[in-house]
Amino acid sequence: MINGKKTVCPYCNQEMKKWKIPQTTTWNDTFFYVCFNDNCPYFMEGWDYMWETQKARASYRCRLDSDSDKYAPLPVWSREALRNNIME
């Protein structure tokens, strides 16, 4: 929860997971909430979008910034990418 609000993905309505931000990034936060639902339309459609626009074999997951309370993309290169930082 952020500010008493449930952390749910706006694209698939699944509960988002708390994800620890690696220390080697430039983000000031210590964690985000991220949708790790592999069937989320945002994640699934991202593969085609990234290939068509960037010629990159990548996608993105929906993240909720814990400081700004805004949704933004989190780039991924595979279904398994970044799962090791899930805080459960």
N, C-alpha and C. Protein backbone atom coordinates (compact mmCIF):
# COMPACT_ATOMS: atom_id res chain seq x y z
N MET A 1 0.83 -1.19 0.00
CA MET A 1 0.00 0.00 0.00
C MET A 1 0.87 1.25 0.00
N ILE A 2 0.42 2.23 -0.74
CA ILE A 2 1.06 3.53 -0.73
C ILE A 2 0.01 4.53 -0.29
N ASN A 3 0.33 5.27 0.76
CA ASN A 3 -0.60 6.27 1.30
C ASN A 3 -2.00 5.69 1.52
N GLY A 4 -2.05 4.45 1.99
CA GLY A 4 -3.33 3.80 2.27
C GLY A 4 -4.03 3.27 1.05
N LYS A 5 -3.42 3.42 -0.14
CA LYS A 5 -4.01 2.97 -1.40
C LYS A 5 -3.41 1.62 -1.78
N LYS A 6 -4.26 0.67 -2.17
CA LYS A 6 -3.79 -0.65 -2.57
C LYS A 6 -2.96 -0.55 -3.85
N THR A 7 -1.89 -1.31 -3.92
CA THR A 7 -1.01 -1.28 -5.08
C THR A 7 -1.47 -2.34 -6.08
N VAL A 8 -2.28 -1.92 -7.03
CA VAL A 8 -2.86 -2.80 -8.04
C VAL A 8 -2.49 -2.27 -9.41
N CYS A 9 -2.10 -3.16 -10.31
CA CYS A 9 -1.74 -2.76 -11.67
C CYS A 9 -2.97 -2.22 -12.40
N PRO A 10 -2.86 -1.04 -13.00
CA PRO A 10 -4.00 -0.46 -13.71
C PRO A 10 -4.33 -1.17 -15.03
N TYR A 11 -3.44 -2.05 -15.49
CA TYR A 11 -3.64 -2.75 -16.76
C TYR A 11 -4.27 -4.13 -16.60
N CYS A 12 -4.01 -4.80 -15.45
CA CYS A 12 -4.53 -6.16 -15.27
C CYS A 12 -5.23 -6.36 -13.93
N ASN A 13 -5.23 -5.35 -13.09
CA ASN A 13 -5.87 -5.40 -11.76
C ASN A 13 -5.29 -6.44 -10.82
N GLN A 14 -4.05 -6.86 -11.06
CA GLN A 14 -3.37 -7.80 -10.16
C GLN A 14 -2.57 -7.01 -9.12
N GLU A 15 -2.45 -7.59 -7.95
CA GLU A 15 -1.66 -6.99 -6.87
C GLU A 15 -0.20 -6.88 -7.33
N MET A 16 0.39 -5.71 -7.13
CA MET A 16 1.79 -5.49 -7.50
C MET A 16 2.68 -5.96 -6.36
N LYS A 17 3.91 -6.32 -6.70
CA LYS A 17 4.87 -6.80 -5.70
C LYS A 17 5.87 -5.70 -5.37
N LYS A 18 6.27 -5.67 -4.12
CA LYS A 18 7.29 -4.72 -3.68
C LYS A 18 8.63 -5.20 -4.24
N TRP A 19 9.34 -4.31 -4.90
CA TRP A 19 10.57 -4.65 -5.61
C TRP A 19 11.69 -3.73 -5.18
N LYS A 20 12.79 -4.32 -4.71
CA LYS A 20 13.94 -3.55 -4.24
C LYS A 20 14.74 -3.03 -5.43
N ILE A 21 14.98 -1.73 -5.44
CA ILE A 21 15.74 -1.10 -6.51
C ILE A 21 17.23 -1.39 -6.29
N PRO A 22 17.92 -1.88 -7.32
CA PRO A 22 19.36 -2.14 -7.18
C PRO A 22 20.12 -0.86 -6.83
N GLN A 23 21.19 -0.99 -6.10
CA GLN A 23 21.97 0.16 -5.66
C GLN A 23 22.70 0.85 -6.81
N THR A 24 22.85 0.17 -7.93
CA THR A 24 23.61 0.72 -9.06
C THR A 24 22.76 1.57 -9.99
N THR A 25 21.57 1.98 -9.56
CA THR A 25 20.71 2.81 -10.41
C THR A 25 20.78 4.27 -9.95
N THR A 26 20.15 5.13 -10.73
CA THR A 26 20.12 6.55 -10.38
C THR A 26 18.81 6.94 -9.70
N TRP A 27 17.90 5.97 -9.50
CA TRP A 27 16.66 6.26 -8.79
C TRP A 27 16.94 6.55 -7.32
N ASN A 28 16.23 7.50 -6.76
CA ASN A 28 16.42 7.87 -5.35
C ASN A 28 15.64 6.98 -4.40
N ASP A 29 14.61 6.30 -4.90
CA ASP A 29 13.79 5.43 -4.06
C ASP A 29 14.56 4.18 -3.66
N THR A 30 14.05 3.48 -2.65
CA THR A 30 14.64 2.20 -2.27
C THR A 30 13.84 1.03 -2.82
N PHE A 31 12.56 1.30 -3.18
CA PHE A 31 11.74 0.25 -3.78
C PHE A 31 10.64 0.85 -4.64
N PHE A 32 10.12 0.01 -5.53
CA PHE A 32 8.93 0.30 -6.33
C PHE A 32 7.95 -0.83 -6.10
N TYR A 33 6.72 -0.63 -6.52
CA TYR A 33 5.77 -1.72 -6.66
C TYR A 33 5.72 -2.04 -8.15
N VAL A 34 5.83 -3.33 -8.48
CA VAL A 34 5.93 -3.75 -9.88
C VAL A 34 4.94 -4.87 -10.16
N CYS A 35 4.32 -4.83 -11.33
CA CYS A 35 3.43 -5.91 -11.77
C CYS A 35 4.27 -7.00 -12.41
N PHE A 36 4.30 -8.18 -11.80
CA PHE A 36 5.03 -9.30 -12.36
C PHE A 36 4.10 -10.35 -12.96
N ASN A 37 2.89 -9.93 -13.32
CA ASN A 37 1.93 -10.81 -13.98
C ASN A 37 2.36 -10.98 -15.44
N ASP A 38 2.76 -12.19 -15.82
CA ASP A 38 3.20 -12.44 -17.19
C ASP A 38 2.07 -12.34 -18.21
N ASN A 39 0.82 -12.32 -17.76
CA ASN A 39 -0.32 -12.18 -18.65
C ASN A 39 -0.86 -10.76 -18.70
N CYS A 40 -0.19 -9.84 -18.05
CA CYS A 40 -0.61 -8.44 -18.06
C CYS A 40 -0.49 -7.89 -19.49
N PRO A 41 -1.55 -7.26 -20.00
CA PRO A 41 -1.50 -6.72 -21.37
C PRO A 41 -0.35 -5.71 -21.58
N TYR A 42 -0.05 -4.93 -20.56
CA TYR A 42 1.04 -3.94 -20.66
C TYR A 42 2.36 -4.65 -20.97
N PHE A 43 2.64 -5.72 -20.25
CA PHE A 43 3.86 -6.51 -20.43
C PHE A 43 3.81 -7.26 -21.76
N MET A 44 2.71 -7.91 -22.06
CA MET A 44 2.59 -8.73 -23.27
C MET A 44 2.70 -7.88 -24.54
N GLU A 45 2.00 -6.77 -24.59
CA GLU A 45 2.02 -5.92 -25.78
C GLU A 45 3.34 -5.15 -25.92
N GLY A 46 4.06 -5.03 -24.82
CA GLY A 46 5.34 -4.33 -24.85
C GLY A 46 6.37 -4.98 -25.74
N TRP A 47 6.34 -6.31 -25.86
CA TRP A 47 7.30 -7.01 -26.72
C TRP A 47 7.17 -6.54 -28.17
N ASP A 48 5.95 -6.52 -28.69
CA ASP A 48 5.74 -6.08 -30.08
C ASP A 48 6.06 -4.60 -30.24
N TYR A 49 5.62 -3.80 -29.28
CA TYR A 49 5.86 -2.36 -29.37
C TYR A 49 7.36 -2.05 -29.41
N MET A 50 8.12 -2.68 -28.53
CA MET A 50 9.56 -2.41 -28.48
C MET A 50 10.26 -2.89 -29.75
N TRP A 51 9.79 -4.01 -30.32
CA TRP A 51 10.41 -4.48 -31.56
C TRP A 51 10.08 -3.54 -32.71
N GLU A 52 8.80 -3.14 -32.81
CA GLU A 52 8.37 -2.29 -33.91
C GLU A 52 8.99 -0.89 -33.85
N THR A 53 9.17 -0.35 -32.68
CA THR A 53 9.66 1.02 -32.55
C THR A 53 11.16 1.14 -32.30
N GLN A 54 11.75 0.12 -31.65
CA GLN A 54 13.16 0.22 -31.26
C GLN A 54 14.04 -0.90 -31.81
N LYS A 55 13.40 -1.91 -32.43
CA LYS A 55 14.11 -3.13 -32.87
C LYS A 55 14.85 -3.77 -31.69
N ALA A 56 14.20 -3.71 -30.53
CA ALA A 56 14.77 -4.30 -29.31
C ALA A 56 13.92 -5.48 -28.87
N ARG A 57 14.57 -6.55 -28.49
CA ARG A 57 13.86 -7.71 -27.95
C ARG A 57 13.73 -7.51 -26.44
N ALA A 58 12.77 -6.66 -26.12
CA ALA A 58 12.55 -6.28 -24.72
C ALA A 58 11.08 -5.92 -24.54
N SER A 59 10.69 -5.75 -23.31
CA SER A 59 9.36 -5.27 -22.97
C SER A 59 9.50 -4.40 -21.74
N TYR A 60 8.41 -4.23 -21.02
CA TYR A 60 8.44 -3.46 -19.79
C TYR A 60 7.30 -3.94 -18.89
N ARG A 61 7.50 -3.72 -17.62
CA ARG A 61 6.48 -4.04 -16.62
C ARG A 61 6.01 -2.72 -16.02
N CYS A 62 4.79 -2.72 -15.56
CA CYS A 62 4.25 -1.51 -14.93
C CYS A 62 4.83 -1.38 -13.52
N ARG A 63 5.37 -0.22 -13.23
CA ARG A 63 5.89 0.03 -11.88
C ARG A 63 5.17 1.23 -11.28
N LEU A 64 5.04 1.21 -10.00
CA LEU A 64 4.45 2.32 -9.26
C LEU A 64 5.55 2.91 -8.39
N ASP A 65 5.89 4.14 -8.66
CA ASP A 65 6.94 4.84 -7.93
C ASP A 65 6.42 5.14 -6.52
N SER A 66 7.13 4.67 -5.53
CA SER A 66 6.67 4.81 -4.14
C SER A 66 6.74 6.25 -3.62
N ASP A 67 7.55 7.10 -4.24
CA ASP A 67 7.63 8.49 -3.80
C ASP A 67 6.61 9.39 -4.52
N SER A 68 6.52 9.24 -5.83
CA SER A 68 5.64 10.13 -6.60
C SER A 68 4.23 9.58 -6.74
N ASP A 69 4.04 8.29 -6.48
CA ASP A 69 2.72 7.65 -6.61
C ASP A 69 2.25 7.65 -8.06
N LYS A 70 3.22 7.57 -9.02
CA LYS A 70 2.89 7.55 -10.45
C LYS A 70 3.33 6.24 -11.07
N TYR A 71 2.58 5.81 -12.10
CA TYR A 71 2.92 4.60 -12.84
C TYR A 71 3.89 4.93 -13.96
N ALA A 72 4.82 4.01 -14.22
CA ALA A 72 5.82 4.20 -15.27
C ALA A 72 6.33 2.83 -15.70
N PRO A 73 6.98 2.75 -16.87
CA PRO A 73 7.51 1.46 -17.32
C PRO A 73 8.81 1.09 -16.62
N LEU A 74 9.01 -0.20 -16.45
CA LEU A 74 10.27 -0.75 -15.95
C LEU A 74 10.76 -1.71 -17.02
N PRO A 75 11.82 -1.38 -17.76
CA PRO A 75 12.29 -2.22 -18.87
C PRO A 75 12.74 -3.61 -18.39
N VAL A 76 12.40 -4.63 -19.20
CA VAL A 76 12.84 -6.00 -18.94
C VAL A 76 13.26 -6.66 -20.25
N TRP A 77 14.15 -7.62 -20.16
CA TRP A 77 14.67 -8.32 -21.33
C TRP A 77 14.20 -9.77 -21.39
N SER A 78 13.48 -10.22 -20.34
CA SER A 78 12.92 -11.57 -20.34
C SER A 78 11.81 -11.64 -19.29
N ARG A 79 11.06 -12.73 -19.31
CA ARG A 79 9.99 -12.91 -18.31
C ARG A 79 10.56 -13.01 -16.90
N GLU A 80 11.75 -13.57 -16.78
CA GLU A 80 12.38 -13.79 -15.47
C GLU A 80 13.16 -12.58 -14.96
N ALA A 81 13.45 -11.65 -15.85
CA ALA A 81 14.29 -10.50 -15.48
C ALA A 81 13.72 -9.74 -14.28
N LEU A 82 14.59 -9.39 -13.37
CA LEU A 82 14.34 -8.54 -12.20
C LEU A 82 13.56 -9.23 -11.07
N ARG A 83 13.14 -10.46 -11.26
CA ARG A 83 12.37 -11.15 -10.21
C ARG A 83 13.19 -11.39 -8.94
N ASN A 84 14.50 -11.45 -9.05
CA ASN A 84 15.33 -11.72 -7.87
C ASN A 84 15.28 -10.59 -6.84
N ASN A 85 14.76 -9.44 -7.20
CA ASN A 85 14.67 -8.32 -6.23
C ASN A 85 13.29 -8.14 -5.62
N ILE A 86 12.39 -9.12 -5.87
CA ILE A 86 11.08 -9.05 -5.25
C ILE A 86 11.23 -9.22 -3.74
N MET A 87 10.61 -8.34 -2.99
CA MET A 87 10.71 -8.36 -1.51
C MET A 87 9.44 -8.98 -0.93
N GLU A 88 9.52 -10.25 -0.53
CA GLU A 88 8.35 -10.90 0.05
C GLU A 88 8.66 -11.47 1.40
